[in-house]
Amino acid sequence: MTVKDEIHARLVAAFSPEVLEIQDDSEKHRGHGGWREGGETHFNVLIRAPQLAAMTRVARHRAVHQALGDLTVRIHALALDIG
């Protein structure tokens, strides 16, 4: 399973989002810090879920990071657009 697939599965399981878009932007960061051959290091996530909408911005980010758990150590950069 790819990192992108794991992100998707964990966020769906945790939040049942109405909208979930995950973009692997690793190739745009080739040669930069944290980049690895094969990619799967830099991601942008757009997620919309009622459960998250009721939280503060900091609480939303914490909830997403908690849902991703140990997966976050395999990701160098994670940009979140949460609502």
Protein backbone atom coordinates (compact mmCIF):
# COMPACT_ATOMS: atom_id res chain seq x y z
CA MET A 1 0.00 0.00 0.00
CA THR A 2 1.35 3.42 -0.89
CA VAL A 3 1.70 6.21 1.68
CA LYS A 4 -1.05 8.09 -0.18
CA ASP A 5 -3.35 5.06 0.15
CA GLU A 6 -2.54 4.78 3.86
CA ILE A 7 -3.30 8.48 4.41
CA HIS A 8 -6.61 8.03 2.61
CA ALA A 9 -7.60 4.91 4.56
CA ARG A 10 -6.75 6.39 7.95
CA LEU A 11 -8.54 9.68 7.34
CA VAL A 12 -11.66 7.97 5.98
CA ALA A 13 -11.73 5.62 8.99
CA ALA A 14 -11.29 8.47 11.46
CA PHE A 15 -13.55 11.16 9.99
CA SER A 16 -15.79 9.80 7.18
CA PRO A 17 -15.05 12.99 5.23
CA GLU A 18 -17.40 14.53 2.70
CA VAL A 19 -14.38 15.71 0.71
CA LEU A 20 -10.90 14.18 0.74
CA GLU A 21 -8.21 15.04 -1.78
CA ILE A 22 -4.63 13.89 -1.34
CA GLN A 23 -1.90 15.16 -3.64
CA ASP A 24 1.59 13.67 -3.63
CA ASP A 25 3.81 16.67 -4.42
CA SER A 26 7.07 14.86 -3.79
CA GLU A 27 8.40 15.24 -7.32
CA LYS A 28 8.16 19.04 -7.02
CA HIS A 29 10.67 18.80 -4.16
CA ARG A 30 13.28 16.64 -5.89
CA GLY A 31 16.69 17.53 -4.48
CA HIS A 32 15.27 19.39 -1.48
CA GLY A 33 15.58 18.31 2.14
CA GLY A 34 13.53 15.27 3.06
CA TRP A 35 13.05 14.10 -0.53
CA ARG A 36 13.70 10.40 -1.17
CA GLU A 37 14.01 8.43 -4.38
CA GLY A 38 10.57 7.03 -5.13
CA GLY A 39 8.79 10.05 -3.63
CA GLU A 40 5.96 9.75 -1.11
CA THR A 41 7.54 12.42 1.09
CA HIS A 42 5.54 15.61 0.46
CA PHE A 43 1.73 15.69 0.55
CA ASN A 44 -1.11 18.20 0.38
CA VAL A 45 -4.38 17.11 1.97
CA LEU A 46 -7.78 18.78 1.59
CA ILE A 47 -10.34 17.32 3.98
CA ARG A 48 -13.88 18.39 4.86
CA ALA A 49 -15.74 16.55 7.61
CA PRO A 50 -18.45 17.73 10.02
CA GLN A 51 -16.51 16.35 12.98
CA LEU A 52 -13.52 18.55 12.09
CA ALA A 53 -15.55 21.65 11.29
CA ALA A 54 -16.66 21.96 14.91
CA MET A 55 -13.04 22.08 16.18
CA THR A 56 -10.58 24.93 16.50
CA ARG A 57 -7.82 25.14 13.91
CA VAL A 58 -5.24 23.68 16.28
CA ALA A 59 -7.59 20.88 17.37
CA ARG A 60 -8.27 19.97 13.72
CA HIS A 61 -4.56 19.66 12.97
CA ARG A 62 -3.99 17.60 16.11
CA ALA A 63 -6.88 15.30 15.23
CA VAL A 64 -5.55 14.68 11.72
CA HIS A 65 -2.03 14.04 13.00
CA GLN A 66 -3.43 11.66 15.61
CA ALA A 67 -5.42 9.80 12.93
CA LEU A 68 -2.29 9.44 10.81
CA GLY A 69 -0.30 8.21 13.82
CA ASP A 70 3.06 6.63 13.05
CA LEU A 71 2.62 7.40 9.37
CA THR A 72 3.71 10.98 10.04
CA VAL A 73 7.31 9.88 10.64
CA ARG A 74 7.46 8.60 7.04
CA ILE A 75 6.26 11.94 5.62
CA HIS A 76 8.64 14.88 5.38
CA ALA A 77 6.02 17.57 4.63
CA LEU A 78 2.27 17.56 5.12
CA ALA A 79 0.21 20.60 4.13
CA LEU A 80 -3.33 20.49 5.53
CA ASP A 81 -6.46 22.33 4.39
CA ILE A 82 -9.04 21.25 6.96
CA GLY A 83 -12.65 22.19 7.48
